[in-house]
Amino acid sequence: MGRKTAVVLGGSVAGLCAAGVLARHFDEVIVLERDLLPQDAEHRRGVPQSKHPHFLLNSGRRAIGAIFPGFEEALIAAGGLHLMPSMDAAYCENDGWAPRKSGSMTMVYSSRMLIERVLRDKVRELPAIEIREGVTVTGLRSTGAGTTRGRVDGVEYRTAGDDEGYLAADLVVDALGRGSSVVDWLGAAGWSAPPEKTLDAKVTYTSRWYDLPRADRRPESWWWKHLVITPTQDTGDHPEEHEFLSNFFPIEGDRAIVCMGSWGIEMPRKADAFEAGADRVRAATFGRATRACTPASPVHLTRATGNKWRRFDLLDVPPVGLVCIGDSICAFNPFYAQGMSSAARSALILGELLGSRDTLGPAFVREFLDRQKKSLDVPWMLAMARDQAYDFATGSEVAAPWRRKLAARMSWPIFNAINATSREDAYVEQTFAKVFNLDKSLREMAADPRFWFGIVRYKVRQRLGRTVVPGGFDDQRDPPGTDFTGYTGPESASSAGTGRGGDRVDV
């Protein structure tokens, strides 16, 4: 068939990844973007989330690397930090600081705007792709809407100068994000609206950017690059800041994004309240680290954190000539850092199908939706596992009271057991890392007998006093820098070393 023109609506991560795969199968790929895109890594109106931390999970790294070879190397060359979280991050868990040791997972830390800038650079290397900036998509044109022969034929748009235009397309990709109007346009044309799954756990988070002190002026205790403080599990009286999930998140340019978030708690909006809140986070290091840095931005607050999945796969007659990628089809609670990776995985599925099918008819659309649904099931289940535990959550996916109580009672003990076991059981550590990175589903982990055997064995050893790697270091002191990789007991403490700022630990 003659695959001539594909049109992508939106030039963010999802749209750029889609353009990258489409460029291999179409004569021309036109990306319509409302914003004027900066040449460098800068915030822009269409991506308000860029002001908050963004994790690019390993499955997303691989997917983007498959679409744009050399992406990761380019991101690191531009300032991204390639780190091993278990060695370069300090985690404050239920009982205090976790031990530092080598693990199976690495990550590239950077700002969202740097990720987009590197992606735009990669896209501009592909001659088939044209990015049209300052263009607002205003509608779709279609024929036979709602029938078995119905298809989307093209896109209506308006330029920054208020000129109106139309682009005929063999395939349209909706990457307009949470606010996409594509479903409304389809409904106006005569298609049935896709059923929606929703869940809003009232998550609010607030972030501020900081410049780090010069390397030679940082405290000796700063062996870490990243701080993570999990919410308290104490049910007694405590400051509400102890309920925050807090990140001191390193990015390029010797900067960090300090972020605090919560479920159902009002978060600070002003600078003074933000820093006072950081001081009251349950690990004292968090506030001290924030105060040691120089503020470089105002405080940014986000409330748009509900989960929403538009189930096009459940339509009897989905429109031909259209696919949706990223938040336009499935938007997650951004606190779980699943959005970019899920979008890249969907783009990869689209590329694989374009390479294996000769036509873009109903069978193509159905297979794409089925495979995309299987991919989205993995992050969706993770998001539901946490957000369904709250009594104040709203939406179609609110769990029954008994399930909410069970989730609230069991989720933390299970999480604690997994983390503790991961210190001494490589299989459990690697399996949980795969789930976190969307390489394995929560359902697969739950059905893995070796995984649960490892946890039960660790708990038995713990009761017998036979565990090896210590944990639960005092959260009112700096996290110990001791490297417990290969630690087998007190006799190996000298070979474990102390690291910067770490106290020798007697165990």
Protein backbone atom coordinates (compact mmCIF):
# COMPACT_ATOMS: atom_id res chain seq x y z
CA MET A 1 0.00 0.00 0.00
CA GLY A 2 1.08 3.56 -0.37
CA ARG A 3 1.74 4.96 3.07
CA LYS A 4 2.12 8.61 2.35
CA THR A 5 1.23 10.85 5.28
CA ALA A 6 0.96 10.39 9.03
CA VAL A 7 -0.05 13.29 11.28
CA VAL A 8 0.88 13.37 14.96
CA LEU A 9 -1.09 15.61 17.29
CA GLY A 10 1.30 16.95 19.93
CA GLY A 11 5.08 17.25 20.10
CA SER A 12 5.77 16.02 23.64
CA VAL A 13 7.39 12.71 24.60
CA ALA A 14 4.51 10.55 23.34
CA GLY A 15 4.22 12.44 20.07
CA LEU A 16 7.96 12.47 19.40
CA CYS A 17 8.24 8.72 20.06
CA ALA A 18 5.31 8.07 17.72
CA ALA A 19 6.91 10.26 15.04
CA GLY A 20 10.13 8.29 15.37
CA VAL A 21 8.47 4.98 14.53
CA LEU A 22 6.20 6.47 11.84
CA ALA A 23 9.20 7.91 10.00
CA ARG A 24 10.25 4.36 9.07
CA HIS A 25 6.92 3.59 7.39
CA PHE A 26 5.52 6.82 5.88
CA ASP A 27 6.78 9.20 3.24
CA GLU A 28 6.07 12.17 5.48
CA VAL A 29 5.28 12.56 9.16
CA ILE A 30 3.87 15.92 10.26
CA VAL A 31 3.86 16.79 13.96
CA LEU A 32 1.44 19.56 14.95
CA GLU A 33 2.47 21.31 18.17
CA ARG A 34 0.63 24.23 19.78
CA ASP A 35 3.72 25.62 21.53
CA LEU A 36 6.74 27.28 19.98
CA LEU A 37 9.44 24.79 20.84
CA PRO A 38 12.64 26.04 22.51
CA GLN A 39 16.00 25.08 21.05
CA ASP A 40 17.37 24.30 24.50
CA ALA A 41 15.96 22.53 27.56
CA GLU A 42 13.33 24.99 28.76
CA HIS A 43 9.86 24.82 30.30
CA ARG A 44 6.91 25.39 28.00
CA ARG A 45 3.21 25.95 28.51
CA GLY A 46 2.10 22.59 27.12
CA VAL A 47 4.09 20.56 29.63
CA PRO A 48 3.36 21.90 33.13
CA GLN A 49 4.59 18.61 34.57
CA SER A 50 8.14 19.49 33.48
CA LYS A 51 8.50 21.43 36.72
CA HIS A 52 8.36 18.19 38.73
CA PRO A 53 10.68 15.16 38.85
CA HIS A 54 10.42 12.62 36.03
CA PHE A 55 11.69 9.06 36.20
CA LEU A 56 12.41 7.32 32.92
CA LEU A 57 11.91 3.66 33.84
CA ASN A 58 14.17 1.02 32.33
CA SER A 59 11.47 -0.33 30.00
CA GLY A 60 10.97 3.22 28.74
CA ARG A 61 14.71 3.74 28.31
CA ARG A 62 14.92 0.62 26.18
CA ALA A 63 11.85 1.54 24.14
CA ILE A 64 13.12 5.04 23.39
CA GLY A 65 16.57 3.61 22.63
CA ALA A 66 14.99 1.23 20.11
CA ILE A 67 13.12 4.13 18.47
CA PHE A 68 16.05 6.56 18.59
CA PRO A 69 19.39 4.70 18.74
CA GLY A 70 21.91 6.62 20.84
CA PHE A 71 19.23 8.43 22.87
CA GLU A 72 20.60 7.42 26.26
CA GLU A 73 24.17 8.32 25.35
CA ALA A 74 22.96 11.69 24.06
CA LEU A 75 20.98 12.31 27.26
CA ILE A 76 24.03 11.58 29.40
CA ALA A 77 26.24 13.72 27.16
CA ALA A 78 23.76 16.58 27.63
CA GLY A 79 24.09 16.32 31.41
CA GLY A 80 21.90 13.38 32.46
CA LEU A 81 23.24 11.38 35.40
CA HIS A 82 23.68 7.62 35.01
CA LEU A 83 23.35 6.31 38.56
CA MET A 84 22.68 3.11 40.49
CA PRO A 85 19.90 4.04 42.94
CA SER A 86 20.82 1.40 45.51
CA MET A 87 24.33 2.92 45.73
CA ASP A 88 23.71 6.56 44.86
CA ALA A 89 20.39 7.17 46.62
CA ALA A 90 19.59 7.17 50.32
CA TYR A 91 16.21 5.62 51.14
CA CYS A 92 14.41 6.30 54.40
CA GLU A 93 12.00 3.41 54.87
CA ASN A 94 9.63 2.43 57.67
CA ASP A 95 12.32 1.74 60.28
CA GLY A 96 14.93 4.26 59.12
CA TRP A 97 17.67 4.48 56.51
CA ALA A 98 18.09 1.41 54.33
CA PRO A 99 21.58 -0.06 53.85
CA ARG A 100 23.54 1.01 50.83
CA LYS A 101 24.63 -1.77 48.46
CA SER A 102 25.02 -2.64 44.81
CA GLY A 103 21.82 -3.60 42.96
CA SER A 104 20.57 -4.69 39.56
CA MET A 105 18.93 -1.41 38.54
CA THR A 106 20.42 1.76 37.09
CA MET A 107 18.65 4.94 36.05
CA VAL A 108 19.39 8.08 34.07
CA TYR A 109 18.36 11.14 36.07
CA SER A 110 17.50 14.37 34.29
CA SER A 111 14.77 16.97 33.99
CA ARG A 112 11.76 16.32 31.77
CA MET A 113 12.70 19.29 29.62
CA LEU A 114 16.15 17.84 28.91
CA ILE A 115 14.58 14.52 27.88
CA GLU A 116 12.34 16.38 25.45
CA ARG A 117 15.19 18.47 24.07
CA VAL A 118 17.28 15.38 23.34
CA LEU A 119 14.25 13.69 21.74
CA ARG A 120 13.65 16.76 19.54
CA ASP A 121 17.28 16.65 18.48
CA LYS A 122 16.85 13.01 17.49
CA VAL A 123 13.62 13.72 15.62
CA ARG A 124 15.23 16.54 13.64
CA GLU A 125 17.80 14.04 12.34
CA LEU A 126 15.01 12.20 10.48
CA PRO A 127 14.21 13.86 7.14
CA ALA A 128 10.71 12.38 6.89
CA ILE A 129 9.53 14.31 9.98
CA GLU A 130 8.33 17.92 9.92
CA ILE A 131 7.42 19.67 13.17
CA ARG A 132 4.97 22.54 12.69
CA GLU A 133 4.99 24.80 15.74
CA GLY A 134 2.34 27.25 16.91
CA VAL A 135 -0.41 25.08 15.42
CA THR A 136 -3.60 24.25 17.35
CA VAL A 137 -5.56 21.17 16.29
CA THR A 138 -9.26 22.11 16.07
CA GLY A 139 -10.94 18.92 14.84
CA LEU A 140 -10.95 15.75 12.80
CA ARG A 141 -12.55 14.90 9.49
CA SER A 142 -13.91 11.43 8.88
CA THR A 143 -16.17 9.34 6.69
CA GLY A 144 -18.68 6.68 7.71
CA ALA A 145 -18.41 7.58 11.39
CA GLY A 146 -19.56 4.78 13.69
CA THR A 147 -19.88 2.20 10.90
CA THR A 148 -17.65 -0.75 10.07
CA ARG A 149 -16.25 1.31 7.18
CA GLY A 150 -15.75 4.46 9.22
CA ARG A 151 -12.33 6.05 9.28
CA VAL A 152 -10.56 9.25 10.24
CA ASP A 153 -9.33 10.99 7.10
CA GLY A 154 -7.45 14.01 8.38
CA VAL A 155 -7.00 16.89 10.78
CA GLU A 156 -8.24 20.47 10.95
CA TYR A 157 -6.00 23.08 12.51
CA ARG A 158 -5.40 26.77 13.14
CA THR A 159 -2.05 28.53 12.98
CA ALA A 160 -0.73 31.18 15.37
CA GLY A 161 -1.82 33.76 12.78
CA ASP A 162 -5.40 32.42 12.88
CA ASP A 163 -5.16 30.83 9.43
CA GLU A 164 -7.20 27.63 9.19
CA GLY A 165 -6.04 24.55 7.37
CA TYR A 166 -6.62 20.86 6.76
CA LEU A 167 -4.22 17.93 6.46
CA ALA A 168 -5.32 14.67 4.85
CA ALA A 169 -3.72 11.69 6.58
CA ASP A 170 -3.43 7.95 6.15
CA LEU A 171 -2.93 7.71 9.91
CA VAL A 172 -3.53 10.17 12.75
CA VAL A 173 -1.85 9.71 16.14
CA ASP A 174 -3.44 11.47 19.11
CA ALA A 175 -0.70 12.48 21.56
CA LEU A 176 -2.48 15.55 22.97
CA GLY A 177 -2.35 14.32 26.55
CA ARG A 178 -4.92 14.40 29.34
CA GLY A 179 -6.77 17.32 27.80
CA SER A 180 -7.19 15.76 24.36
CA SER A 181 -10.49 16.65 22.63
CA VAL A 182 -10.28 13.74 20.19
CA VAL A 183 -13.01 11.74 21.98
CA ASP A 184 -15.34 14.75 21.77
CA TRP A 185 -14.62 15.20 18.07
CA LEU A 186 -15.25 11.52 17.40
CA GLY A 187 -18.54 11.68 19.31
CA ALA A 188 -19.68 14.73 17.37
CA ALA A 189 -18.98 12.84 14.13
CA GLY A 190 -21.05 9.82 15.21
CA TRP A 191 -18.70 7.37 16.93
CA SER A 192 -19.54 5.89 20.31
CA ALA A 193 -17.51 7.23 23.21
CA PRO A 194 -15.06 4.70 24.66
CA PRO A 195 -15.83 3.54 28.22
CA GLU A 196 -13.56 5.16 30.80
CA LYS A 197 -11.89 3.76 33.88
CA THR A 198 -11.09 6.43 36.45
CA LEU A 199 -9.63 6.71 39.92
CA ASP A 200 -8.57 9.88 41.70
CA ALA A 201 -6.84 9.39 45.06
CA LYS A 202 -6.54 13.14 45.67
CA VAL A 203 -2.76 13.18 45.30
CA THR A 204 -1.20 16.63 45.45
CA TYR A 205 2.47 17.36 45.12
CA THR A 206 4.65 20.41 45.20
CA SER A 207 8.16 20.99 43.84
CA ARG A 208 10.87 23.62 43.86
CA TRP A 209 14.16 23.71 41.95
CA TYR A 210 17.48 24.30 43.71
CA ASP A 211 21.10 24.85 42.79
CA LEU A 212 23.39 22.50 44.70
CA PRO A 213 26.35 23.87 46.66
CA ARG A 214 29.67 23.69 44.85
CA ALA A 215 31.16 20.22 45.13
CA ASP A 216 33.95 21.43 47.41
CA ARG A 217 31.41 23.07 49.74
CA ARG A 218 29.02 20.16 50.18
CA PRO A 219 28.88 18.48 53.58
CA GLU A 220 31.06 15.40 54.02
CA SER A 221 27.93 13.36 54.68
CA TRP A 222 26.63 13.92 51.12
CA TRP A 223 27.76 10.65 49.57
CA TRP A 224 24.26 10.36 48.09
CA LYS A 225 22.88 12.04 44.98
CA HIS A 226 19.18 11.24 45.56
CA LEU A 227 17.10 11.24 48.77
CA VAL A 228 13.80 9.37 49.09
CA ILE A 229 11.71 9.63 52.25
CA THR A 230 8.67 7.31 52.31
CA PRO A 231 5.53 8.19 54.30
CA THR A 232 5.42 7.17 57.91
CA GLN A 233 3.56 4.01 58.86
CA ASP A 234 3.06 5.26 62.41
CA THR A 235 -0.63 5.46 63.24
CA GLY A 236 -0.11 7.70 66.27
CA ASP A 237 0.15 11.46 66.49
CA HIS A 238 2.76 13.02 64.21
CA PRO A 239 3.18 16.08 61.98
CA GLU A 240 1.30 15.74 58.70
CA GLU A 241 4.63 16.18 56.87
CA HIS A 242 5.52 12.67 58.08
CA GLU A 243 2.82 11.48 55.65
CA PHE A 244 4.68 12.99 52.68
CA LEU A 245 6.50 11.00 50.02
CA SER A 246 9.52 13.22 49.51
CA ASN A 247 12.26 13.33 46.89
CA PHE A 248 15.48 15.29 46.63
CA PHE A 249 15.88 14.48 42.94
CA PRO A 250 19.16 15.20 41.11
CA ILE A 251 19.14 16.59 37.58
CA GLU A 252 21.63 18.06 35.11
CA GLY A 253 23.55 21.25 35.82
CA ASP A 254 24.31 20.55 39.50
CA ARG A 255 20.65 21.06 40.38
CA ALA A 256 17.99 19.17 42.28
CA ILE A 257 14.19 19.19 42.27
CA VAL A 258 12.86 18.99 45.82
CA CYS A 259 9.41 17.42 45.69
CA MET A 260 6.91 16.53 48.41
CA GLY A 261 3.59 14.82 47.78
CA SER A 262 0.73 13.30 49.70
CA TRP A 263 -2.62 11.60 49.44
CA GLY A 264 -5.44 13.86 50.63
CA ILE A 265 -3.32 16.52 52.42
CA GLU A 266 -3.10 20.19 51.49
CA MET A 267 0.44 20.90 50.27
CA PRO A 268 2.47 24.13 50.68
CA ARG A 269 2.24 26.68 47.87
CA LYS A 270 4.54 29.45 49.12
CA ALA A 271 8.32 29.38 49.48
CA ASP A 272 8.41 29.85 53.25
CA ALA A 273 5.79 27.17 53.84
CA PHE A 274 7.59 24.84 51.42
CA GLU A 275 10.92 25.04 53.24
CA ALA A 276 9.22 24.80 56.64
CA GLY A 277 7.46 21.67 55.39
CA ALA A 278 10.76 20.21 54.21
CA ASP A 279 12.17 20.82 57.70
CA ARG A 280 9.34 18.74 59.19
CA VAL A 281 9.71 15.74 56.85
CA ARG A 282 10.44 12.80 59.14
CA ALA A 283 14.10 12.36 58.09
CA ALA A 284 16.06 15.39 59.29
CA THR A 285 18.57 15.17 56.42
CA PHE A 286 15.87 16.19 53.93
CA GLY A 287 15.30 19.63 55.44
CA ARG A 288 19.00 20.21 56.07
CA ALA A 289 19.85 19.35 52.45
CA THR A 290 17.13 21.66 51.14
CA ARG A 291 18.35 24.54 53.32
CA ALA A 292 21.95 24.00 52.13
CA CYS A 293 20.91 24.66 48.50
CA THR A 294 20.01 27.89 46.71
CA PRO A 295 16.40 28.24 45.50
CA ALA A 296 16.18 28.57 41.71
CA SER A 297 12.43 28.61 41.09
CA PRO A 298 9.09 29.40 42.67
CA VAL A 299 7.03 26.59 44.22
CA HIS A 300 5.07 24.55 41.68
CA LEU A 301 1.95 22.65 42.78
CA THR A 302 -0.02 20.00 40.87
CA ARG A 303 -3.44 18.51 41.61
CA ALA A 304 -4.24 16.91 38.21
CA THR A 305 -3.20 13.43 39.29
CA GLY A 306 -6.23 11.21 38.65
CA ASN A 307 -5.87 7.95 36.73
CA LYS A 308 -7.97 7.78 33.54
CA TRP A 309 -8.05 5.05 30.88
CA ARG A 310 -10.13 5.57 27.75
CA ARG A 311 -10.91 2.01 26.71
CA PHE A 312 -10.96 2.20 22.91
CA ASP A 313 -10.27 -1.54 22.95
CA LEU A 314 -13.81 -2.14 24.27
CA LEU A 315 -15.52 -0.39 21.34
CA ASP A 316 -17.30 -2.67 18.89
CA VAL A 317 -16.28 -0.35 16.05
CA PRO A 318 -13.16 1.67 16.87
CA PRO A 319 -12.26 4.31 14.28
CA VAL A 320 -9.82 3.26 11.58
CA GLY A 321 -7.04 5.70 10.75
CA LEU A 322 -6.55 6.82 14.36
CA VAL A 323 -4.47 5.58 17.29
CA CYS A 324 -4.02 7.22 20.69
CA ILE A 325 -0.75 7.16 22.63
CA GLY A 326 0.35 8.46 26.02
CA ASP A 327 -1.96 10.34 28.38
CA SER A 328 -4.54 10.81 25.62
CA ILE A 329 -5.54 7.17 26.09
CA CYS A 330 -4.23 6.30 29.56
CA ALA A 331 -3.17 8.93 32.09
CA PHE A 332 -1.65 7.72 35.35
CA ASN A 333 -1.16 9.37 38.69
CA PRO A 334 2.08 11.19 37.73
CA PHE A 335 3.57 10.44 41.14
CA TYR A 336 4.23 6.88 39.94
CA ALA A 337 6.44 8.00 37.03
CA GLN A 338 4.86 5.64 34.51
CA GLY A 339 3.69 8.04 31.81
CA MET A 340 6.75 8.53 29.58
CA SER A 341 7.70 4.85 29.67
CA SER A 342 4.14 3.69 28.90
CA ALA A 343 3.95 6.10 25.97
CA ALA A 344 7.25 4.89 24.54
CA ARG A 345 6.14 1.26 24.90
CA SER A 346 2.93 2.02 22.98
CA ALA A 347 4.93 3.74 20.23
CA LEU A 348 7.14 0.66 19.95
CA ILE A 349 4.04 -1.54 19.56
CA LEU A 350 2.82 0.77 16.79
CA GLY A 351 6.15 0.48 14.99
CA GLU A 352 6.17 -3.31 15.25
CA LEU A 353 2.68 -3.55 13.74
CA LEU A 354 3.48 -1.12 10.93
CA GLY A 355 6.40 -3.37 10.05
CA SER A 356 4.31 -6.55 10.00
CA ARG A 357 0.99 -5.48 8.42
CA ASP A 358 0.36 -4.28 4.88
CA THR A 359 -2.85 -2.35 5.49
CA LEU A 360 -4.18 0.04 8.13
CA GLY A 361 -7.71 -1.35 8.19
CA PRO A 362 -9.88 -2.62 11.06
CA ALA A 363 -7.65 -5.63 11.74
CA PHE A 364 -4.63 -3.35 12.23
CA VAL A 365 -6.52 -1.10 14.66
CA ARG A 366 -7.90 -4.06 16.61
CA GLU A 367 -4.51 -5.72 16.99
CA PHE A 368 -2.89 -2.46 18.06
CA LEU A 369 -5.56 -1.84 20.69
CA ASP A 370 -5.31 -5.39 22.03
CA ARG A 371 -1.53 -5.25 22.31
CA GLN A 372 -1.58 -1.74 23.75
CA LYS A 373 -4.16 -2.84 26.34
CA LYS A 374 -1.89 -5.69 27.45
CA SER A 375 1.01 -3.22 27.80
CA LEU A 376 -1.07 -0.66 29.72
CA ASP A 377 -2.42 -3.31 32.09
CA VAL A 378 1.03 -3.51 33.72
CA PRO A 379 1.33 0.12 34.97
CA TRP A 380 -2.43 0.43 35.53
CA MET A 381 -2.43 -2.46 38.00
CA LEU A 382 0.45 -0.87 39.91
CA ALA A 383 -1.34 2.48 40.11
CA MET A 384 -4.57 0.85 41.28
CA ALA A 385 -2.77 -1.20 43.95
CA ARG A 386 -1.81 1.99 45.78
CA ASP A 387 -4.57 4.48 44.94
CA GLN A 388 -7.46 2.10 45.66
CA ALA A 389 -6.42 1.91 49.33
CA TYR A 390 -7.80 5.36 50.20
CA ASP A 391 -11.33 5.92 51.49
CA PHE A 392 -11.49 9.37 49.89
CA ALA A 393 -10.64 8.09 46.37
CA THR A 394 -13.31 8.69 43.71
CA GLY A 395 -14.01 7.22 40.28
CA SER A 396 -15.22 4.09 38.56
CA GLU A 397 -12.43 1.95 40.04
CA VAL A 398 -13.09 2.70 43.72
CA ALA A 399 -12.60 -0.58 45.54
CA ALA A 400 -15.13 -2.22 47.84
CA PRO A 401 -14.66 -1.31 51.52
CA TRP A 402 -13.21 -4.71 52.40
CA ARG A 403 -10.65 -4.40 49.63
CA ARG A 404 -9.67 -0.89 50.72
CA LYS A 405 -9.17 -2.10 54.28
CA LEU A 406 -7.15 -5.09 53.08
CA ALA A 407 -4.98 -2.91 50.83
CA ALA A 408 -4.42 -0.35 53.59
CA ARG A 409 -3.52 -3.08 56.08
CA MET A 410 -1.34 -5.25 53.85
CA SER A 411 0.37 -2.99 51.32
CA TRP A 412 2.97 -1.51 53.67
CA PRO A 413 3.90 -4.79 55.44
CA ILE A 414 4.35 -6.48 52.06
CA PHE A 415 6.39 -3.55 50.73
CA ASN A 416 8.57 -3.59 53.85
CA ALA A 417 9.12 -7.34 53.53
CA ILE A 418 10.09 -7.04 49.86
CA ASN A 419 12.59 -4.27 50.58
CA ALA A 420 14.16 -6.13 53.50
CA THR A 421 14.38 -9.41 51.60
CA SER A 422 15.93 -7.65 48.60
CA ARG A 423 18.98 -6.86 50.73
CA GLU A 424 19.93 -10.55 50.83
CA ASP A 425 17.99 -12.30 48.06
CA ALA A 426 19.05 -11.31 44.54
CA TYR A 427 16.05 -13.01 42.93
CA VAL A 428 13.55 -11.00 44.99
CA GLU A 429 15.50 -7.78 44.36
CA GLN A 430 15.66 -8.38 40.60
CA THR A 431 12.00 -9.41 40.37
CA PHE A 432 10.78 -6.33 42.20
CA ALA A 433 13.04 -4.13 40.04
CA LYS A 434 11.38 -5.64 36.95
CA VAL A 435 7.93 -4.84 38.33
CA PHE A 436 8.96 -1.27 39.20
CA ASN A 437 10.35 -0.83 35.68
CA LEU A 438 7.23 -2.32 34.00
CA ASP A 439 9.17 -5.32 32.69
CA LYS A 440 7.04 -7.68 34.78
CA SER A 441 3.43 -7.33 35.91
CA LEU A 442 2.23 -7.27 39.49
CA ARG A 443 0.13 -10.33 38.63
CA GLU A 444 3.20 -12.25 37.46
CA MET A 445 5.07 -11.34 40.62
CA ALA A 446 2.13 -12.36 42.79
CA ALA A 447 2.03 -15.77 41.09
CA ASP A 448 5.80 -16.41 41.35
CA PRO A 449 6.46 -19.11 44.00
CA ARG A 450 10.20 -18.43 44.07
CA PHE A 451 9.57 -14.78 44.87
CA TRP A 452 7.33 -15.57 47.86
CA PHE A 453 9.58 -18.40 49.02
CA GLY A 454 12.41 -15.87 49.23
CA ILE A 455 10.33 -13.53 51.36
CA VAL A 456 9.11 -16.30 53.71
CA ARG A 457 12.64 -17.62 54.06
CA TYR A 458 13.94 -14.16 54.93
CA LYS A 459 11.20 -13.62 57.53
CA VAL A 460 12.04 -16.96 59.16
CA ARG A 461 15.73 -16.06 59.22
CA GLN A 462 14.82 -12.68 60.67
CA ARG A 463 12.86 -14.28 63.53
CA LEU A 464 15.81 -16.57 64.22
CA GLY A 465 18.24 -13.65 64.20
CA ARG A 466 20.10 -15.06 61.20
CA THR A 467 19.75 -12.19 58.71
CA VAL A 468 22.99 -10.56 57.65
CA VAL A 469 22.64 -7.08 56.15
CA PRO A 470 21.48 -4.55 58.76
CA GLY A 471 18.87 -1.86 58.20
CA GLY A 472 16.85 0.72 60.04
CA PHE A 473 19.56 3.30 60.68
CA ASP A 474 18.49 6.34 62.72
CA ASP A 475 16.53 8.73 60.48
CA GLN A 476 17.49 11.72 62.64
CA ARG A 477 21.11 11.23 61.66
CA ASP A 478 22.65 11.38 58.20
CA PRO A 479 22.23 8.21 56.13
CA PRO A 480 25.27 5.95 56.62
CA GLY A 481 27.55 5.69 53.58
CA THR A 482 28.72 2.15 54.41
CA ASP A 483 28.74 -0.05 51.30
CA PHE A 484 27.22 -3.38 52.34
CA THR A 485 27.80 -5.06 48.97
CA GLY A 486 29.13 -8.54 49.69
CA TYR A 487 28.60 -8.07 53.43
CA THR A 488 28.29 -11.42 55.22
CA GLY A 489 28.43 -10.34 58.85
CA PRO A 490 30.51 -8.40 61.36
CA GLU A 491 33.70 -10.12 60.27
CA SER A 492 33.36 -8.56 56.80
CA ALA A 493 32.67 -5.03 58.06
CA SER A 494 36.20 -3.87 57.30
CA SER A 495 35.90 -4.94 53.67
CA ALA A 496 32.46 -3.35 53.39
CA GLY A 497 33.98 0.09 54.07
CA THR A 498 32.28 3.15 55.40
CA GLY A 499 31.87 5.35 52.35
CA ARG A 500 31.68 9.13 52.67
CA GLY A 501 29.97 10.19 55.82
CA GLY A 502 29.19 6.65 56.99
CA ASP A 503 29.70 5.45 60.52
CA ARG A 504 31.10 1.99 61.11
CA VAL A 505 28.14 -0.21 61.95
CA ASP A 506 28.29 -2.91 64.58
CA VAL A 507 25.99 -5.78 63.68
